[in-house]
Amino acid sequence: MKLRAIFWVGLLFVASLFGLPALKPLFAWAFPGVEPPVYNRTGFFELWLSHAGLVAVSSGAASLVGLGLAIFVTRGGGREFRSAVDAVARIGQTFPPTTVLAIAVPVVGFGVTPTLIALALYGLLPVVESAIAGFEGVPAAVLEAGAGMGLSPWQLFRRVELPLAAPFILSGVRTSVIVNIGTAAIGSTVGALTLGTPIISGLMGEKMPYVIQGTIVAGLFAILTDLLFERLDRAFRRHRVARG
């Protein structure tokens, strides 16, 4: 059933990237007076490529930093910094991305850079929280058994802790990516090219078709990505069961 859902959503998504111009008569009929009825300043495929790139880089950075922080605060002397790391991660998500953009633009200028900073900060908390929960959820008895077998701390981490915490880490990355897909659209307010570009253009120019078109493509992108993550999570869990 999930594969069928992925297929149909993927088909609709591809159709939205390349097929919206074919719906020009429909939008012209539904919104008379809007010219052109389909956003055409930049192709939707190009908009999606830029949008996806922003999400990939920002979520990748958030995932690496978040995982590193989670590893640090769940062992040794790093536990003393647990509350501080939680506070920093929460601050990053407490401030709206628009606020981060307003602060970053005077420092780094308009365009991609402030958008990446805002998205990375906003996507950090889910990764940190999920990874910490995963590492702290590893049963002490399992770690003791591994140590009793002669495994070094690194081997315990790689062979025991990381595999057991992986579903939690993946869940955090999934949340971070999906949140950033929706949030990346605001990057268009500071000059970044995203799927929010037609939405912002439509709102400023009172052209509702552009808002609808951008929303459809961005929504399908988020839904498809979430379905793919769910599929990846199921495959990962089956692989663990097969190995176990």
C-alpha atoms as a PDB file:
ATOM      1  CA  MET A   1       0.000   0.000   0.000  1.00  0.00           C
ATOM      2  CA  LYS A   2       2.802   2.429   0.906  1.00  0.00           C
ATOM      3  CA  LEU A   3       4.629   1.718  -2.337  1.00  0.00           C
ATOM      4  CA  ARG A   4       1.449   2.501  -4.229  1.00  0.00           C
ATOM      5  CA  ALA A   5       1.083   5.759  -2.287  1.00  0.00           C
ATOM      6  CA  ILE A   6       4.702   6.684  -3.051  1.00  0.00           C
ATOM      7  CA  PHE A   7       4.119   5.965  -6.730  1.00  0.00           C
ATOM      8  CA  TRP A   8       0.993   8.098  -7.027  1.00  0.00           C
ATOM      9  CA  VAL A   9       2.308  10.991  -4.951  1.00  0.00           C
ATOM     10  CA  GLY A  10       5.580  10.854  -6.889  1.00  0.00           C
ATOM     11  CA  LEU A  11       3.641  10.909 -10.163  1.00  0.00           C
ATOM     12  CA  LEU A  12       1.605  13.915  -9.031  1.00  0.00           C
ATOM     13  CA  PHE A  13       4.766  15.652  -7.869  1.00  0.00           C
ATOM     14  CA  VAL A  14       6.549  15.172 -11.206  1.00  0.00           C
ATOM     15  CA  ALA A  15       3.399  16.278 -13.012  1.00  0.00           C
ATOM     16  CA  SER A  16       3.296  19.432 -10.891  1.00  0.00           C
ATOM     17  CA  LEU A  17       6.929  20.210 -11.719  1.00  0.00           C
ATOM     18  CA  PHE A  18       6.511  19.932 -15.462  1.00  0.00           C
ATOM     19  CA  GLY A  19       2.768  19.929 -16.166  1.00  0.00           C
ATOM     20  CA  LEU A  20       1.427  23.136 -14.624  1.00  0.00           C
ATOM     21  CA  PRO A  21       1.762  25.088 -17.914  1.00  0.00           C
ATOM     22  CA  ALA A  22      -0.679  22.581 -19.436  1.00  0.00           C
ATOM     23  CA  LEU A  23      -3.265  23.790 -16.911  1.00  0.00           C
ATOM     24  CA  LYS A  24      -2.997  27.363 -18.149  1.00  0.00           C
ATOM     25  CA  PRO A  25      -6.537  27.357 -19.624  1.00  0.00           C
ATOM     26  CA  LEU A  26      -7.947  26.108 -16.316  1.00  0.00           C
ATOM     27  CA  PHE A  27      -6.198  28.791 -14.253  1.00  0.00           C
ATOM     28  CA  ALA A  28      -7.132  31.438 -16.844  1.00  0.00           C
ATOM     29  CA  TRP A  29     -10.787  30.414 -16.529  1.00  0.00           C
ATOM     30  CA  ALA A  30     -10.713  30.241 -12.727  1.00  0.00           C
ATOM     31  CA  PHE A  31      -8.798  33.513 -12.292  1.00  0.00           C
ATOM     32  CA  PRO A  32      -9.690  35.874 -15.135  1.00  0.00           C
ATOM     33  CA  GLY A  33      -7.535  38.956 -15.282  1.00  0.00           C
ATOM     34  CA  VAL A  34      -4.373  37.275 -13.992  1.00  0.00           C
ATOM     35  CA  GLU A  35      -1.720  37.344 -16.683  1.00  0.00           C
ATOM     36  CA  PRO A  36       0.069  35.053 -17.119  1.00  0.00           C
ATOM     37  CA  PRO A  37      -2.157  32.577 -15.234  1.00  0.00           C
ATOM     38  CA  VAL A  38       0.769  30.201 -14.572  1.00  0.00           C
ATOM     39  CA  TYR A  39       3.955  31.409 -12.882  1.00  0.00           C
ATOM     40  CA  ASN A  40       6.701  31.439 -15.516  1.00  0.00           C
ATOM     41  CA  ARG A  41       9.512  33.703 -14.321  1.00  0.00           C
ATOM     42  CA  THR A  42      11.444  30.592 -13.267  1.00  0.00           C
ATOM     43  CA  GLY A  43      10.573  26.983 -14.060  1.00  0.00           C
ATOM     44  CA  PHE A  44       9.164  24.950 -11.185  1.00  0.00           C
ATOM     45  CA  PHE A  45      11.845  22.299 -11.689  1.00  0.00           C
ATOM     46  CA  GLU A  46      14.559  24.921 -11.201  1.00  0.00           C
ATOM     47  CA  LEU A  47      12.724  26.266  -8.153  1.00  0.00           C
ATOM     48  CA  TRP A  48      12.514  22.765  -6.708  1.00  0.00           C
ATOM     49  CA  LEU A  49      16.202  22.056  -7.317  1.00  0.00           C
ATOM     50  CA  SER A  50      17.173  25.205  -5.420  1.00  0.00           C
ATOM     51  CA  HIS A  51      14.630  24.489  -2.658  1.00  0.00           C
ATOM     52  CA  ALA A  52      15.781  20.885  -2.278  1.00  0.00           C
ATOM     53  CA  GLY A  53      19.414  21.982  -2.186  1.00  0.00           C
ATOM     54  CA  LEU A  54      18.720  24.408   0.662  1.00  0.00           C
ATOM     55  CA  VAL A  55      16.887  21.706   2.608  1.00  0.00           C
ATOM     56  CA  ALA A  56      19.590  19.098   1.990  1.00  0.00           C
ATOM     57  CA  VAL A  57      22.467  21.351   3.087  1.00  0.00           C
ATOM     58  CA  SER A  58      20.701  22.854   6.124  1.00  0.00           C
ATOM     59  CA  SER A  59      19.224  19.560   7.343  1.00  0.00           C
ATOM     60  CA  GLY A  60      22.532  17.793   6.710  1.00  0.00           C
ATOM     61  CA  ALA A  61      24.361  20.373   8.820  1.00  0.00           C
ATOM     62  CA  ALA A  62      21.695  20.201  11.542  1.00  0.00           C
ATOM     63  CA  SER A  63      21.898  16.396  11.557  1.00  0.00           C
ATOM     64  CA  LEU A  64      25.688  16.272  11.834  1.00  0.00           C
ATOM     65  CA  VAL A  65      25.845  18.925  14.548  1.00  0.00           C
ATOM     66  CA  GLY A  66      22.854  17.474  16.384  1.00  0.00           C
ATOM     67  CA  LEU A  67      24.249  13.950  16.338  1.00  0.00           C
ATOM     68  CA  GLY A  68      27.651  15.188  17.485  1.00  0.00           C
ATOM     69  CA  LEU A  69      26.106  17.108  20.377  1.00  0.00           C
ATOM     70  CA  ALA A  70      23.980  14.109  21.374  1.00  0.00           C
ATOM     71  CA  ILE A  71      27.031  11.845  21.433  1.00  0.00           C
ATOM     72  CA  PHE A  72      28.964  14.408  23.456  1.00  0.00           C
ATOM     73  CA  VAL A  73      26.333  14.928  26.194  1.00  0.00           C
ATOM     74  CA  THR A  74      25.514  11.238  26.666  1.00  0.00           C
ATOM     75  CA  ARG A  75      28.962  10.096  27.766  1.00  0.00           C
ATOM     76  CA  GLY A  76      31.759  11.052  30.096  1.00  0.00           C
ATOM     77  CA  GLY A  77      32.247  14.634  31.122  1.00  0.00           C
ATOM     78  CA  GLY A  78      29.908  15.795  28.387  1.00  0.00           C
ATOM     79  CA  ARG A  79      26.898  14.962  30.561  1.00  0.00           C
ATOM     80  CA  GLU A  80      27.549  18.161  32.503  1.00  0.00           C
ATOM     81  CA  PHE A  81      26.646  20.143  29.375  1.00  0.00           C
ATOM     82  CA  ARG A  82      23.342  18.353  28.746  1.00  0.00           C
ATOM     83  CA  SER A  83      21.146  21.192  29.989  1.00  0.00           C
ATOM     84  CA  ALA A  84      23.195  23.790  28.110  1.00  0.00           C
ATOM     85  CA  VAL A  85      22.903  21.880  24.823  1.00  0.00           C
ATOM     86  CA  ASP A  86      19.157  21.452  25.334  1.00  0.00           C
ATOM     87  CA  ALA A  87      18.827  25.186  25.970  1.00  0.00           C
ATOM     88  CA  VAL A  88      20.794  26.155  22.852  1.00  0.00           C
ATOM     89  CA  ALA A  89      18.824  23.755  20.649  1.00  0.00           C
ATOM     90  CA  ARG A  90      15.508  25.016  22.009  1.00  0.00           C
ATOM     91  CA  ILE A  91      16.520  28.630  21.492  1.00  0.00           C
ATOM     92  CA  GLY A  92      17.271  27.805  17.855  1.00  0.00           C
ATOM     93  CA  GLN A  93      13.686  26.616  17.362  1.00  0.00           C
ATOM     94  CA  THR A  94      12.037  29.125  19.680  1.00  0.00           C
ATOM     95  CA  PHE A  95      13.077  32.038  17.492  1.00  0.00           C
ATOM     96  CA  PRO A  96      10.977  32.068  14.291  1.00  0.00           C
ATOM     97  CA  PRO A  97      13.041  31.655  11.113  1.00  0.00           C
ATOM     98  CA  THR A  98      11.904  35.124  10.057  1.00  0.00           C
ATOM     99  CA  THR A  99      13.616  36.550  13.147  1.00  0.00           C
ATOM    100  CA  VAL A 100      16.824  34.679  12.364  1.00  0.00           C
ATOM    101  CA  LEU A 101      16.677  36.005   8.795  1.00  0.00           C
ATOM    102  CA  ALA A 102      16.192  39.559  10.056  1.00  0.00           C
ATOM    103  CA  ILE A 103      19.290  39.198  12.252  1.00  0.00           C
ATOM    104  CA  ALA A 104      21.408  37.351   9.674  1.00  0.00           C
ATOM    105  CA  VAL A 105      20.740  39.530   6.623  1.00  0.00           C
ATOM    106  CA  PRO A 106      22.573  42.637   7.922  1.00  0.00           C
ATOM    107  CA  VAL A 107      25.560  40.417   8.754  1.00  0.00           C
ATOM    108  CA  VAL A 108      25.831  38.051   5.768  1.00  0.00           C
ATOM    109  CA  GLY A 109      23.642  39.777   3.190  1.00  0.00           C
ATOM    110  CA  PHE A 110      20.674  38.581   1.174  1.00  0.00           C
ATOM    111  CA  GLY A 111      20.277  35.261  -0.599  1.00  0.00           C
ATOM    112  CA  VAL A 112      21.117  31.693   0.271  1.00  0.00           C
ATOM    113  CA  THR A 113      23.406  32.164   3.292  1.00  0.00           C
ATOM    114  CA  PRO A 114      20.897  33.660   5.777  1.00  0.00           C
ATOM    115  CA  THR A 115      18.326  31.083   4.668  1.00  0.00           C
ATOM    116  CA  LEU A 116      20.717  28.218   5.383  1.00  0.00           C
ATOM    117  CA  ILE A 117      21.529  29.644   8.817  1.00  0.00           C
ATOM    118  CA  ALA A 118      17.838  29.969   9.720  1.00  0.00           C
ATOM    119  CA  LEU A 119      16.964  26.477   8.491  1.00  0.00           C
ATOM    120  CA  ALA A 120      19.943  24.807  10.188  1.00  0.00           C
ATOM    121  CA  LEU A 121      19.096  26.397  13.541  1.00  0.00           C
ATOM    122  CA  TYR A 122      15.420  25.558  13.176  1.00  0.00           C
ATOM    123  CA  GLY A 123      16.128  21.939  12.264  1.00  0.00           C
ATOM    124  CA  LEU A 124      18.624  21.285  15.048  1.00  0.00           C
ATOM    125  CA  LEU A 125      16.286  20.573  17.971  1.00  0.00           C
ATOM    126  CA  PRO A 126      14.488  17.496  16.546  1.00  0.00           C
ATOM    127  CA  VAL A 127      17.806  15.803  15.782  1.00  0.00           C
ATOM    128  CA  VAL A 128      19.343  16.590  19.176  1.00  0.00           C
ATOM    129  CA  GLU A 129      16.310  15.460  21.170  1.00  0.00           C
ATOM    130  CA  SER A 130      15.769  12.257  19.196  1.00  0.00           C
ATOM    131  CA  ALA A 131      19.438  11.262  19.203  1.00  0.00           C
ATOM    132  CA  ILE A 132      19.765  11.844  22.953  1.00  0.00           C
ATOM    133  CA  ALA A 133      16.619   9.795  23.572  1.00  0.00           C
ATOM    134  CA  GLY A 134      18.034   7.020  21.415  1.00  0.00           C
ATOM    135  CA  PHE A 135      21.405   6.849  23.148  1.00  0.00           C
ATOM    136  CA  GLU A 136      19.911   7.132  26.631  1.00  0.00           C
ATOM    137  CA  GLY A 137      17.395   4.431  25.774  1.00  0.00           C
ATOM    138  CA  VAL A 138      20.050   1.767  25.212  1.00  0.00           C
ATOM    139  CA  PRO A 139      19.645  -0.709  28.113  1.00  0.00           C
ATOM    140  CA  ALA A 140      22.528  -0.651  30.578  1.00  0.00           C
ATOM    141  CA  ALA A 141      22.438  -4.465  30.676  1.00  0.00           C
ATOM    142  CA  VAL A 142      23.217  -4.594  26.961  1.00  0.00           C
ATOM    143  CA  LEU A 143      26.202  -2.281  27.397  1.00  0.00           C
ATOM    144  CA  GLU A 144      27.450  -4.299  30.344  1.00  0.00           C
ATOM    145  CA  ALA A 145      27.132  -7.505  28.348  1.00  0.00           C
ATOM    146  CA  GLY A 146      29.099  -5.979  25.494  1.00  0.00           C
ATOM    147  CA  ALA A 147      31.805  -4.764  27.847  1.00  0.00           C
ATOM    148  CA  GLY A 148      31.937  -8.209  29.410  1.00  0.00           C
ATOM    149  CA  MET A 149      32.608  -9.656  25.954  1.00  0.00           C
ATOM    150  CA  GLY A 150      35.696  -7.478  25.713  1.00  0.00           C
ATOM    151  CA  LEU A 151      34.348  -4.770  23.404  1.00  0.00           C
ATOM    152  CA  SER A 152      36.150  -1.444  23.580  1.00  0.00           C
ATOM    153  CA  PRO A 153      34.160   1.786  24.130  1.00  0.00           C
ATOM    154  CA  TRP A 154      34.402   2.531  20.399  1.00  0.00           C
ATOM    155  CA  GLN A 155      33.216  -0.980  19.506  1.00  0.00           C
ATOM    156  CA  LEU A 156      30.342  -0.676  21.978  1.00  0.00           C
ATOM    157  CA  PHE A 157      29.318   2.591  20.388  1.00  0.00           C
ATOM    158  CA  ARG A 158      29.592   1.360  16.799  1.00  0.00           C
ATOM    159  CA  ARG A 159      28.156  -2.136  17.259  1.00  0.00           C
ATOM    160  CA  VAL A 160      25.639  -1.630  20.052  1.00  0.00           C
ATOM    161  CA  GLU A 161      24.664   1.967  20.827  1.00  0.00           C
ATOM    162  CA  LEU A 162      24.515   3.385  17.314  1.00  0.00           C
ATOM    163  CA  PRO A 163      22.405   0.560  15.799  1.00  0.00           C
ATOM    164  CA  LEU A 164      19.954   0.646  18.729  1.00  0.00           C
ATOM    165  CA  ALA A 165      19.687   4.441  18.645  1.00  0.00           C
ATOM    166  CA  ALA A 166      19.476   4.630  14.835  1.00  0.00           C
ATOM    167  CA  PRO A 167      15.636   4.541  14.593  1.00  0.00           C
ATOM    168  CA  PHE A 168      15.430   7.507  16.964  1.00  0.00           C
ATOM    169  CA  ILE A 169      18.123   9.389  15.037  1.00  0.00           C
ATOM    170  CA  LEU A 170      16.330   8.718  11.748  1.00  0.00           C
ATOM    171  CA  SER A 171      13.080   9.974  13.268  1.00  0.00           C
ATOM    172  CA  GLY A 172      14.761  13.232  14.281  1.00  0.00           C
ATOM    173  CA  VAL A 173      16.331  13.702  10.847  1.00  0.00           C
ATOM    174  CA  ARG A 174      12.954  13.007   9.247  1.00  0.00           C
ATOM    175  CA  THR A 175      11.267  15.676  11.342  1.00  0.00           C
ATOM    176  CA  SER A 176      14.068  18.147  10.640  1.00  0.00           C
ATOM    177  CA  VAL A 177      13.851  17.625   6.879  1.00  0.00           C
ATOM    178  CA  ILE A 178      10.055  17.860   6.699  1.00  0.00           C
ATOM    179  CA  VAL A 179      10.010  21.008   8.847  1.00  0.00           C
ATOM    180  CA  ASN A 180      12.686  22.592   6.675  1.00  0.00           C
ATOM    181  CA  ILE A 181      10.864  21.763   3.447  1.00  0.00           C
ATOM    182  CA  GLY A 182       7.983  23.898   4.648  1.00  0.00           C
ATOM    183  CA  THR A 183      10.138  26.573   6.252  1.00  0.00           C
ATOM    184  CA  ALA A 184      12.539  27.002   3.317  1.00  0.00           C
ATOM    185  CA  ALA A 185       9.847  28.895   1.422  1.00  0.00           C
ATOM    186  CA  ILE A 186      10.481  31.972   3.569  1.00  0.00           C
ATOM    187  CA  GLY A 187      13.967  32.175   2.072  1.00  0.00           C
ATOM    188  CA  SER A 188      12.374  33.833  -0.935  1.00  0.00           C
ATOM    189  CA  THR A 189      11.702  36.907   1.201  1.00  0.00           C
ATOM    190  CA  VAL A 190      15.460  37.541   1.337  1.00  0.00           C
ATOM    191  CA  GLY A 191      16.277  36.652  -2.251  1.00  0.00           C
ATOM    192  CA  ALA A 192      16.783  32.875  -2.153  1.00  0.00           C
ATOM    193  CA  LEU A 193      15.243  30.896  -4.986  1.00  0.00           C
ATOM    194  CA  THR A 194      12.716  28.429  -3.519  1.00  0.00           C
ATOM    195  CA  LEU A 195       9.238  27.055  -4.073  1.00  0.00           C
ATOM    196  CA  GLY A 196       8.135  29.993  -1.959  1.00  0.00           C
ATOM    197  CA  THR A 197       9.119  32.372  -4.782  1.00  0.00           C
ATOM    198  CA  PRO A 198       5.814  32.046  -6.680  1.00  0.00           C
ATOM    199  CA  ILE A 199       3.928  32.163  -3.370  1.00  0.00           C
ATOM    200  CA  ILE A 200       5.586  35.429  -2.309  1.00  0.00           C
ATOM    201  CA  SER A 201       5.178  36.831  -5.813  1.00  0.00           C
ATOM    202  CA  GLY A 202       1.511  35.886  -5.819  1.00  0.00           C
ATOM    203  CA  LEU A 203       0.873  37.436  -2.429  1.00  0.00           C
ATOM    204  CA  MET A 204       2.656  40.674  -3.319  1.00  0.00           C
ATOM    205  CA  GLY A 205       1.058  40.947  -6.756  1.00  0.00           C
ATOM    206  CA  GLU A 206      -2.384  39.681  -5.668  1.00  0.00           C
ATOM    207  CA  LYS A 207      -2.101  36.753  -8.065  1.00  0.00           C
ATOM    208  CA  MET A 208      -3.702  33.818  -6.293  1.00  0.00           C
ATOM    209  CA  PRO A 209      -2.861  31.228  -9.003  1.00  0.00           C
ATOM    210  CA  TYR A 210       0.837  31.632  -8.196  1.00  0.00           C
ATOM    211  CA  VAL A 211       0.163  31.015  -4.507  1.00  0.00           C
ATOM    212  CA  ILE A 212      -1.831  27.873  -5.322  1.00  0.00           C
ATOM    213  CA  GLN A 213       0.786  26.557  -7.740  1.00  0.00           C
ATOM    214  CA  GLY A 214       3.702  27.055  -5.356  1.00  0.00           C
ATOM    215  CA  THR A 215       1.746  25.530  -2.495  1.00  0.00           C
ATOM    216  CA  ILE A 216       0.811  22.452  -4.511  1.00  0.00           C
ATOM    217  CA  VAL A 217       4.416  21.715  -5.537  1.00  0.00           C
ATOM    218  CA  ALA A 218       5.833  22.357  -2.049  1.00  0.00           C
ATOM    219  CA  GLY A 219       3.081  20.285  -0.399  1.00  0.00           C
ATOM    220  CA  LEU A 220       3.603  17.315  -2.707  1.00  0.00           C
ATOM    221  CA  PHE A 221       7.366  17.540  -2.162  1.00  0.00           C
ATOM    222  CA  ALA A 222       6.878  17.363   1.620  1.00  0.00           C
ATOM    223  CA  ILE A 223       4.399  14.477   1.415  1.00  0.00           C
ATOM    224  CA  LEU A 224       6.613  12.462  -0.946  1.00  0.00           C
ATOM    225  CA  THR A 225       9.699  13.029   1.220  1.00  0.00           C
ATOM    226  CA  ASP A 226       7.826  11.929   4.339  1.00  0.00           C
ATOM    227  CA  LEU A 227       6.602   8.762   2.618  1.00  0.00           C
ATOM    228  CA  LEU A 228      10.148   7.955   1.484  1.00  0.00           C
ATOM    229  CA  PHE A 229      11.466   8.419   5.028  1.00  0.00           C
ATOM    230  CA  GLU A 230       8.744   6.117   6.326  1.00  0.00           C
ATOM    231  CA  ARG A 231       9.734   3.521   3.744  1.00  0.00           C
ATOM    232  CA  LEU A 232      13.394   3.887   4.733  1.00  0.00           C
ATOM    233  CA  ASP A 233      12.512   3.456   8.412  1.00  0.00           C
ATOM    234  CA  ARG A 234      10.562   0.256   7.700  1.00  0.00           C
ATOM    235  CA  ALA A 235      13.368  -1.158   5.593  1.00  0.00           C
ATOM    236  CA  PHE A 236      15.883  -0.343   8.307  1.00  0.00           C
ATOM    237  CA  ARG A 237      13.788  -2.034  10.988  1.00  0.00           C
ATOM    238  CA  ARG A 238      13.326  -5.150   8.834  1.00  0.00           C
ATOM    239  CA  HIS A 239      17.079  -5.268   8.273  1.00  0.00           C
ATOM    240  CA  ARG A 240      17.693  -5.105  12.027  1.00  0.00           C
ATOM    241  CA  VAL A 241      15.216  -7.913  12.668  1.00  0.00           C
ATOM    242  CA  ALA A 242      16.821 -10.043   9.961  1.00  0.00           C
ATOM    243  CA  ARG A 243      20.283  -9.497  11.441  1.00  0.00           C
ATOM    244  CA  GLY A 244      19.065  -9.999  15.009  1.00  0.00           C
END
